[in-house]
Amino acid sequence: MPEICRFFGIIVVLYYQDHEPPHFHAKYGDQTGVFSIADLKLIEGELPRRVISLVLEWAFEHRPELLEDWALARTNKPLKKIAPLA
């Protein structure tokens, strides 16, 4: 599980060779959500409302980096860590 960021108990991961559209996974405890990078919205799974807000705030700040990591993951190259939400 290629972790790209961790903040407030939330773990953000991208999987190598994952399916389109570009997206990332956020894990919080035993819950997981999948977020679209283009639309910045939850497209699959369930997370507490506050966690969704934090993930979306973080993703909005780091969308270019997420897209870069998505491209790296699609070609099996090492992913770059992204700064956490402060």
PDB file of N, CA and C in Angstrom:
ATOM      1  N   MET A   1       0.852  -1.179   0.000  1.00  0.00           N
ATOM      2  CA  MET A   1       0.000   0.000   0.000  1.00  0.00           C
ATOM      3  C   MET A   1       0.896   1.239   0.000  1.00  0.00           C
ATOM      4  N   PRO A   2       1.046   1.897  -1.116  1.00  0.00           N
ATOM      5  CA  PRO A   2       1.918   3.075  -1.219  1.00  0.00           C
ATOM      6  C   PRO A   2       1.307   4.313  -0.546  1.00  0.00           C
ATOM      7  N   GLU A   3       1.739   4.559   0.658  1.00  0.00           N
ATOM      8  CA  GLU A   3       1.243   5.710   1.427  1.00  0.00           C
ATOM      9  C   GLU A   3       1.923   6.981   0.939  1.00  0.00           C
ATOM     10  N   ILE A   4       1.117   8.004   0.637  1.00  0.00           N
ATOM     11  CA  ILE A   4       1.698   9.266   0.190  1.00  0.00           C
ATOM     12  C   ILE A   4       1.559  10.371   1.230  1.00  0.00           C
ATOM     13  N   CYS A   5       0.670  10.171   2.218  1.00  0.00           N
ATOM     14  CA  CYS A   5       0.500  11.186   3.243  1.00  0.00           C
ATOM     15  C   CYS A   5      -0.246  10.601   4.437  1.00  0.00           C
ATOM     16  N   ARG A   6      -0.004  11.216   5.600  1.00  0.00           N
ATOM     17  CA  ARG A   6      -0.698  10.813   6.831  1.00  0.00           C
ATOM     18  C   ARG A   6      -0.911  12.061   7.679  1.00  0.00           C
ATOM     19  N   PHE A   7      -2.156  12.292   8.111  1.00  0.00           N
ATOM     20  CA  PHE A   7      -2.453  13.425   8.986  1.00  0.00           C
ATOM     21  C   PHE A   7      -3.743  13.154   9.747  1.00  0.00           C
ATOM     22  N   PHE A   8      -3.778  13.576  11.004  1.00  0.00           N
ATOM     23  CA  PHE A   8      -4.955  13.458  11.865  1.00  0.00           C
ATOM     24  C   PHE A   8      -5.559  12.052  11.858  1.00  0.00           C
ATOM     25  N   GLY A   9      -4.723  11.034  11.777  1.00  0.00           N
ATOM     26  CA  GLY A   9      -5.200   9.655  11.762  1.00  0.00           C
ATOM     27  C   GLY A   9      -5.708   9.189  10.406  1.00  0.00           C
ATOM     28  N   ILE A  10      -5.571  10.013   9.390  1.00  0.00           N
ATOM     29  CA  ILE A  10      -6.005   9.685   8.037  1.00  0.00           C
ATOM     30  C   ILE A  10      -4.773   9.268   7.233  1.00  0.00           C
ATOM     31  N   ILE A  11      -4.877   8.161   6.534  1.00  0.00           N
ATOM     32  CA  ILE A  11      -3.784   7.675   5.688  1.00  0.00           C
ATOM     33  C   ILE A  11      -4.251   7.769   4.239  1.00  0.00           C
ATOM     34  N   VAL A  12      -3.457   8.453   3.421  1.00  0.00           N
ATOM     35  CA  VAL A  12      -3.791   8.625   2.003  1.00  0.00           C
ATOM     36  C   VAL A  12      -2.855   7.742   1.183  1.00  0.00           C
ATOM     37  N   VAL A  13      -3.446   6.936   0.305  1.00  0.00           N
ATOM     38  CA  VAL A  13      -2.662   6.005  -0.510  1.00  0.00           C
ATOM     39  C   VAL A  13      -3.091   6.080  -1.970  1.00  0.00           C
ATOM     40  N   LEU A  14      -2.152   5.718  -2.834  1.00  0.00           N
ATOM     41  CA  LEU A  14      -2.406   5.500  -4.259  1.00  0.00           C
ATOM     42  C   LEU A  14      -1.903   4.099  -4.572  1.00  0.00           C
ATOM     43  N   TYR A  15      -2.618   3.382  -5.391  1.00  0.00           N
ATOM     44  CA  TYR A  15      -2.209   2.034  -5.774  1.00  0.00           C
ATOM     45  C   TYR A  15      -1.612   2.048  -7.165  1.00  0.00           C
ATOM     46  N   TYR A  16      -0.576   1.241  -7.348  1.00  0.00           N
ATOM     47  CA  TYR A  16       0.050   1.115  -8.659  1.00  0.00           C
ATOM     48  C   TYR A  16      -0.906   0.422  -9.622  1.00  0.00           C
ATOM     49  N   GLN A  17      -0.913   0.898 -10.861  1.00  0.00           N
ATOM     50  CA  GLN A  17      -1.726   0.315 -11.932  1.00  0.00           C
ATOM     51  C   GLN A  17      -3.214   0.276 -11.594  1.00  0.00           C
ATOM     52  N   ASP A  18      -3.698   1.243 -10.828  1.00  0.00           N
ATOM     53  CA  ASP A  18      -5.110   1.312 -10.455  1.00  0.00           C
ATOM     54  C   ASP A  18      -5.930   1.765 -11.665  1.00  0.00           C
ATOM     55  N   HIS A  19      -7.215   1.507 -11.618  1.00  0.00           N
ATOM     56  CA  HIS A  19      -8.127   1.810 -12.726  1.00  0.00           C
ATOM     57  C   HIS A  19      -8.419   3.307 -12.810  1.00  0.00           C
ATOM     58  N   GLU A  20      -8.845   3.749 -13.966  1.00  0.00           N
ATOM     59  CA  GLU A  20      -9.303   5.127 -14.175  1.00  0.00           C
ATOM     60  C   GLU A  20     -10.681   5.286 -13.525  1.00  0.00           C
ATOM     61  N   PRO A  21     -11.122   6.466 -13.234  1.00  0.00           N
ATOM     62  CA  PRO A  21     -10.483   7.761 -13.377  1.00  0.00           C
ATOM     63  C   PRO A  21      -9.447   7.973 -12.272  1.00  0.00           C
ATOM     64  N   PRO A  22      -8.582   8.983 -12.416  1.00  0.00           N
ATOM     65  CA  PRO A  22      -7.585   9.271 -11.378  1.00  0.00           C
ATOM     66  C   PRO A  22      -8.253   9.479 -10.022  1.00  0.00           C
ATOM     67  N   HIS A  23      -7.756   8.763  -9.027  1.00  0.00           N
ATOM     68  CA  HIS A  23      -8.345   8.826  -7.695  1.00  0.00           C
ATOM     69  C   HIS A  23      -7.315   8.407  -6.655  1.00  0.00           C
ATOM     70  N   PHE A  24      -7.658   8.639  -5.401  1.00  0.00           N
ATOM     71  CA  PHE A  24      -6.823   8.188  -4.292  1.00  0.00           C
ATOM     72  C   PHE A  24      -7.727   7.613  -3.213  1.00  0.00           C
ATOM     73  N   HIS A  25      -7.124   6.867  -2.313  1.00  0.00           N
ATOM     74  CA  HIS A  25      -7.843   6.219  -1.229  1.00  0.00           C
ATOM     75  C   HIS A  25      -7.457   6.890   0.087  1.00  0.00           C
ATOM     76  N   ALA A  26      -8.440   7.119   0.932  1.00  0.00           N
ATOM     77  CA  ALA A  26      -8.187   7.658   2.266  1.00  0.00           C
ATOM     78  C   ALA A  26      -8.724   6.655   3.280  1.00  0.00           C
ATOM     79  N   LYS A  27      -7.888   6.314   4.252  1.00  0.00           N
ATOM     80  CA  LYS A  27      -8.272   5.348   5.281  1.00  0.00           C
ATOM     81  C   LYS A  27      -8.296   6.044   6.631  1.00  0.00           C
ATOM     82  N   TYR A  28      -9.319   5.731   7.389  1.00  0.00           N
ATOM     83  CA  TYR A  28      -9.458   6.299   8.732  1.00  0.00           C
ATOM     84  C   TYR A  28     -10.023   5.191   9.607  1.00  0.00           C
ATOM     85  N   GLY A  29      -9.196   4.662  10.493  1.00  0.00           N
ATOM     86  CA  GLY A  29      -9.625   3.515  11.289  1.00  0.00           C
ATOM     87  C   GLY A  29      -9.899   2.344  10.354  1.00  0.00           C
ATOM     88  N   ASP A  30     -11.086   1.774  10.470  1.00  0.00           N
ATOM     89  CA  ASP A  30     -11.444   0.653   9.604  1.00  0.00           C
ATOM     90  C   ASP A  30     -12.309   1.077   8.422  1.00  0.00           C
ATOM     91  N   GLN A  31     -12.410   2.384   8.193  1.00  0.00           N
ATOM     92  CA  GLN A  31     -13.211   2.896   7.084  1.00  0.00           C
ATOM     93  C   GLN A  31     -12.310   3.401   5.963  1.00  0.00           C
ATOM     94  N   THR A  32     -12.799   3.279   4.734  1.00  0.00           N
ATOM     95  CA  THR A  32     -12.042   3.716   3.569  1.00  0.00           C
ATOM     96  C   THR A  32     -12.955   4.463   2.613  1.00  0.00           C
ATOM     97  N   GLY A  33     -12.407   5.512   2.005  1.00  0.00           N
ATOM     98  CA  GLY A  33     -13.118   6.243   0.970  1.00  0.00           C
ATOM     99  C   GLY A  33     -12.222   6.429  -0.235  1.00  0.00           C
ATOM    100  N   VAL A  34     -12.850   6.495  -1.392  1.00  0.00           N
ATOM    101  CA  VAL A  34     -12.140   6.736  -2.637  1.00  0.00           C
ATOM    102  C   VAL A  34     -12.568   8.107  -3.145  1.00  0.00           C
ATOM    103  N   PHE A  35     -11.576   8.941  -3.478  1.00  0.00           N
ATOM    104  CA  PHE A  35     -11.833  10.320  -3.887  1.00  0.00           C
ATOM    105  C   PHE A  35     -11.341  10.557  -5.305  1.00  0.00           C
ATOM    106  N   SER A  36     -12.180  11.171  -6.111  1.00  0.00           N
ATOM    107  CA  SER A  36     -11.811  11.579  -7.463  1.00  0.00           C
ATOM    108  C   SER A  36     -10.857  12.772  -7.365  1.00  0.00           C
ATOM    109  N   ILE A  37      -9.769  12.726  -8.115  1.00  0.00           N
ATOM    110  CA  ILE A  37      -8.840  13.858  -8.118  1.00  0.00           C
ATOM    111  C   ILE A  37      -9.401  15.001  -8.965  1.00  0.00           C
ATOM    112  N   ALA A  38     -10.027  14.695 -10.065  1.00  0.00           N
ATOM    113  CA  ALA A  38     -10.553  15.732 -10.954  1.00  0.00           C
ATOM    114  C   ALA A  38     -11.688  16.514 -10.304  1.00  0.00           C
ATOM    115  N   ASP A  39     -12.619  15.806  -9.683  1.00  0.00           N
ATOM    116  CA  ASP A  39     -13.811  16.434  -9.111  1.00  0.00           C
ATOM    117  C   ASP A  39     -13.676  16.772  -7.634  1.00  0.00           C
ATOM    118  N   LEU A  40     -12.659  16.205  -6.988  1.00  0.00           N
ATOM    119  CA  LEU A  40     -12.484  16.338  -5.542  1.00  0.00           C
ATOM    120  C   LEU A  40     -13.796  16.042  -4.813  1.00  0.00           C
ATOM    121  N   LYS A  41     -14.228  14.795  -4.987  1.00  0.00           N
ATOM    122  CA  LYS A  41     -15.411  14.345  -4.263  1.00  0.00           C
ATOM    123  C   LYS A  41     -15.261  12.871  -3.930  1.00  0.00           C
ATOM    124  N   LEU A  42     -15.967  12.454  -2.892  1.00  0.00           N
ATOM    125  CA  LEU A  42     -15.988  11.054  -2.492  1.00  0.00           C
ATOM    126  C   LEU A  42     -16.793  10.283  -3.527  1.00  0.00           C
ATOM    127  N   ILE A  43     -16.180   9.257  -4.130  1.00  0.00           N
ATOM    128  CA  ILE A  43     -16.883   8.496  -5.160  1.00  0.00           C
ATOM    129  C   ILE A  43     -17.202   7.072  -4.730  1.00  0.00           C
ATOM    130  N   GLU A  44     -16.631   6.653  -3.602  1.00  0.00           N
ATOM    131  CA  GLU A  44     -16.878   5.296  -3.127  1.00  0.00           C
ATOM    132  C   GLU A  44     -16.511   5.208  -1.658  1.00  0.00           C
ATOM    133  N   GLY A  45     -17.232   4.405  -0.904  1.00  0.00           N
ATOM    134  CA  GLY A  45     -16.925   4.171   0.492  1.00  0.00           C
ATOM    135  C   GLY A  45     -17.632   5.139   1.420  1.00  0.00           C
ATOM    136  N   GLU A  46     -17.304   5.005   2.694  1.00  0.00           N
ATOM    137  CA  GLU A  46     -17.904   5.850   3.723  1.00  0.00           C
ATOM    138  C   GLU A  46     -16.849   6.268   4.731  1.00  0.00           C
ATOM    139  N   LEU A  47     -16.894   7.525   5.080  1.00  0.00           N
ATOM    140  CA  LEU A  47     -16.021   8.099   6.102  1.00  0.00           C
ATOM    141  C   LEU A  47     -16.841   9.106   6.887  1.00  0.00           C
ATOM    142  N   PRO A  48     -16.437   9.394   8.132  1.00  0.00           N
ATOM    143  CA  PRO A  48     -17.131  10.437   8.881  1.00  0.00           C
ATOM    144  C   PRO A  48     -17.071  11.778   8.133  1.00  0.00           C
ATOM    145  N   ARG A  49     -18.107  12.556   8.272  1.00  0.00           N
ATOM    146  CA  ARG A  49     -18.211  13.839   7.564  1.00  0.00           C
ATOM    147  C   ARG A  49     -16.986  14.730   7.800  1.00  0.00           C
ATOM    148  N   ARG A  50     -16.513  14.789   9.032  1.00  0.00           N
ATOM    149  CA  ARG A  50     -15.349  15.627   9.357  1.00  0.00           C
ATOM    150  C   ARG A  50     -14.104  15.132   8.621  1.00  0.00           C
ATOM    151  N   VAL A  51     -13.934  13.822   8.521  1.00  0.00           N
ATOM    152  CA  VAL A  51     -12.786  13.257   7.818  1.00  0.00           C
ATOM    153  C   VAL A  51     -12.868  13.594   6.333  1.00  0.00           C
ATOM    154  N   ILE A  52     -14.052  13.484   5.747  1.00  0.00           N
ATOM    155  CA  ILE A  52     -14.233  13.852   4.339  1.00  0.00           C
ATOM    156  C   ILE A  52     -13.830  15.305   4.120  1.00  0.00           C
ATOM    157  N   SER A  53     -14.252  16.188   5.009  1.00  0.00           N
ATOM    158  CA  SER A  53     -13.906  17.612   4.883  1.00  0.00           C
ATOM    159  C   SER A  53     -12.400  17.832   4.942  1.00  0.00           C
ATOM    160  N   LEU A  54     -11.738  17.150   5.864  1.00  0.00           N
ATOM    161  CA  LEU A  54     -10.282  17.294   5.985  1.00  0.00           C
ATOM    162  C   LEU A  54      -9.571  16.768   4.748  1.00  0.00           C
ATOM    163  N   VAL A  55     -10.005  15.619   4.265  1.00  0.00           N
ATOM    164  CA  VAL A  55      -9.377  15.036   3.072  1.00  0.00           C
ATOM    165  C   VAL A  55      -9.569  15.955   1.874  1.00  0.00           C
ATOM    166  N   LEU A  56     -10.761  16.485   1.705  1.00  0.00           N
ATOM    167  CA  LEU A  56     -11.016  17.377   0.566  1.00  0.00           C
ATOM    168  C   LEU A  56     -10.216  18.677   0.678  1.00  0.00           C
ATOM    169  N   GLU A  57     -10.094  19.210   1.882  1.00  0.00           N
ATOM    170  CA  GLU A  57      -9.281  20.412   2.081  1.00  0.00           C
ATOM    171  C   GLU A  57      -7.832  20.130   1.687  1.00  0.00           C
ATOM    172  N   TRP A  58      -7.307  19.000   2.145  1.00  0.00           N
ATOM    173  CA  TRP A  58      -5.936  18.603   1.822  1.00  0.00           C
ATOM    174  C   TRP A  58      -5.777  18.413   0.315  1.00  0.00           C
ATOM    175  N   ALA A  59      -6.703  17.694  -0.303  1.00  0.00           N
ATOM    176  CA  ALA A  59      -6.611  17.381  -1.728  1.00  0.00           C
ATOM    177  C   ALA A  59      -6.677  18.649  -2.578  1.00  0.00           C
ATOM    178  N   PHE A  60      -7.503  19.596  -2.166  1.00  0.00           N
ATOM    179  CA  PHE A  60      -7.602  20.861  -2.907  1.00  0.00           C
ATOM    180  C   PHE A  60      -6.250  21.569  -2.933  1.00  0.00           C
ATOM    181  N   GLU A  61      -5.538  21.530  -1.811  1.00  0.00           N
ATOM    182  CA  GLU A  61      -4.226  22.180  -1.717  1.00  0.00           C
ATOM    183  C   GLU A  61      -3.153  21.449  -2.519  1.00  0.00           C
ATOM    184  N   HIS A  62      -3.375  20.162  -2.760  1.00  0.00           N
ATOM    185  CA  HIS A  62      -2.314  19.336  -3.354  1.00  0.00           C
ATOM    186  C   HIS A  62      -2.740  18.628  -4.642  1.00  0.00           C
ATOM    187  N   ARG A  63      -3.720  19.143  -5.337  1.00  0.00           N
ATOM    188  CA  ARG A  63      -4.209  18.479  -6.554  1.00  0.00           C
ATOM    189  C   ARG A  63      -3.107  18.254  -7.594  1.00  0.00           C
ATOM    190  N   PRO A  64      -2.261  19.248  -7.899  1.00  0.00           N
ATOM    191  CA  PRO A  64      -1.192  18.983  -8.892  1.00  0.00           C
ATOM    192  C   PRO A  64      -0.267  17.842  -8.467  1.00  0.00           C
ATOM    193  N   GLU A  65       0.065  17.780  -7.189  1.00  0.00           N
ATOM    194  CA  GLU A  65       0.935  16.716  -6.686  1.00  0.00           C
ATOM    195  C   GLU A  65       0.232  15.358  -6.756  1.00  0.00           C
ATOM    196  N   LEU A  66      -1.069  15.331  -6.481  1.00  0.00           N
ATOM    197  CA  LEU A  66      -1.834  14.094  -6.588  1.00  0.00           C
ATOM    198  C   LEU A  66      -1.837  13.590  -8.033  1.00  0.00           C
ATOM    199  N   LEU A  67      -2.035  14.499  -8.979  1.00  0.00           N
ATOM    200  CA  LEU A  67      -2.024  14.106 -10.390  1.00  0.00           C
ATOM    201  C   LEU A  67      -0.640  13.602 -10.814  1.00  0.00           C
ATOM    202  N   GLU A  68       0.402  14.234 -10.289  1.00  0.00           N
ATOM    203  CA  GLU A  68       1.757  13.773 -10.591  1.00  0.00           C
ATOM    204  C   GLU A  68       1.980  12.373 -10.044  1.00  0.00           C
ATOM    205  N   ASP A  69       1.569  12.136  -8.790  1.00  0.00           N
ATOM    206  CA  ASP A  69       1.718  10.806  -8.196  1.00  0.00           C
ATOM    207  C   ASP A  69       0.859   9.780  -8.933  1.00  0.00           C
ATOM    208  N   TRP A  70      -0.329  10.180  -9.387  1.00  0.00           N
ATOM    209  CA  TRP A  70      -1.180   9.258 -10.152  1.00  0.00           C
ATOM    210  C   TRP A  70      -0.436   8.794 -11.417  1.00  0.00           C
ATOM    211  N   ALA A  71       0.188   9.745 -12.126  1.00  0.00           N
ATOM    212  CA  ALA A  71       0.933   9.402 -13.333  1.00  0.00           C
ATOM    213  C   ALA A  71       2.117   8.489 -13.010  1.00  0.00           C
ATOM    214  N   LEU A  72       2.794   8.747 -11.913  1.00  0.00           N
ATOM    215  CA  LEU A  72       3.904   7.889 -11.494  1.00  0.00           C
ATOM    216  C   LEU A  72       3.410   6.483 -11.174  1.00  0.00           C
ATOM    217  N   ALA A  73       2.303   6.383 -10.474  1.00  0.00           N
ATOM    218  CA  ALA A  73       1.760   5.078 -10.089  1.00  0.00           C
ATOM    219  C   ALA A  73       1.345   4.273 -11.319  1.00  0.00           C
ATOM    220  N   ARG A  74       0.812   4.933 -12.313  1.00  0.00           N
ATOM    221  CA  ARG A  74       0.370   4.241 -13.531  1.00  0.00           C
ATOM    222  C   ARG A  74       1.544   3.635 -14.289  1.00  0.00           C
ATOM    223  N   THR A  75       2.750   4.167 -14.066  1.00  0.00           N
ATOM    224  CA  THR A  75       3.936   3.662 -14.753  1.00  0.00           C
ATOM    225  C   THR A  75       4.891   2.954 -13.793  1.00  0.00           C
ATOM    226  N   ASN A  76       4.388   2.597 -12.618  1.00  0.00           N
ATOM    227  CA  ASN A  76       5.160   1.842 -11.616  1.00  0.00           C
ATOM    228  C   ASN A  76       6.440   2.535 -11.163  1.00  0.00           C
ATOM    229  N   LYS A  77       6.397   3.860 -11.096  1.00  0.00           N
ATOM    230  CA  LYS A  77       7.544   4.614 -10.605  1.00  0.00           C
ATOM    231  C   LYS A  77       7.307   4.989  -9.145  1.00  0.00           C
ATOM    232  N   PRO A  78       8.382   5.240  -8.404  1.00  0.00           N
ATOM    233  CA  PRO A  78       8.212   5.596  -6.980  1.00  0.00           C
ATOM    234  C   PRO A  78       7.360   6.856  -6.812  1.00  0.00           C
ATOM    235  N   LEU A  79       6.478   6.814  -5.842  1.00  0.00           N
ATOM    236  CA  LEU A  79       5.601   7.948  -5.562  1.00  0.00           C
ATOM    237  C   LEU A  79       6.307   8.941  -4.660  1.00  0.00           C
ATOM    238  N   LYS A  80       5.885  10.183  -4.758  1.00  0.00           N
ATOM    239  CA  LYS A  80       6.439  11.248  -3.928  1.00  0.00           C
ATOM    240  C   LYS A  80       5.505  11.487  -2.742  1.00  0.00           C
ATOM    241  N   LYS A  81       6.077  11.668  -1.573  1.00  0.00           N
ATOM    242  CA  LYS A  81       5.287  12.016  -0.401  1.00  0.00           C
ATOM    243  C   LYS A  81       4.720  13.426  -0.591  1.00  0.00           C
ATOM    244  N   ILE A  82       3.533  13.623  -0.043  1.00  0.00           N
ATOM    245  CA  ILE A  82       2.873  14.923  -0.107  1.00  0.00           C
ATOM    246  C   ILE A  82       2.716  15.437   1.308  1.00  0.00           C
ATOM    247  N   ALA A  83       2.939  16.707   1.504  1.00  0.00           N
ATOM    248  CA  ALA A  83       2.873  17.315   2.839  1.00  0.00           C
ATOM    249  C   ALA A  83       1.482  17.133   3.451  1.00  0.00           C
ATOM    250  N   PRO A  84       1.433  16.893   4.750  1.00  0.00           N
ATOM    251  CA  PRO A  84       0.140  16.728   5.416  1.00  0.00           C
ATOM    252  C   PRO A  84      -0.574  18.053   5.630  1.00  0.00           C
ATOM    253  N   LEU A  85      -1.825  17.950   5.970  1.00  0.00           N
ATOM    254  CA  LEU A  85      -2.619  19.106   6.352  1.00  0.00           C
ATOM    255  C   LEU A  85      -2.110  19.568   7.719  1.00  0.00           C
ATOM    256  N   ALA A  86      -1.846  20.840   7.856  1.00  0.00           N
ATOM    257  CA  ALA A  86      -1.269  21.344   9.117  1.00  0.00           C
ATOM    258  C   ALA A  86      -2.356  21.899  10.020  1.00  0.00           C
TER     259      ALA A  86
END
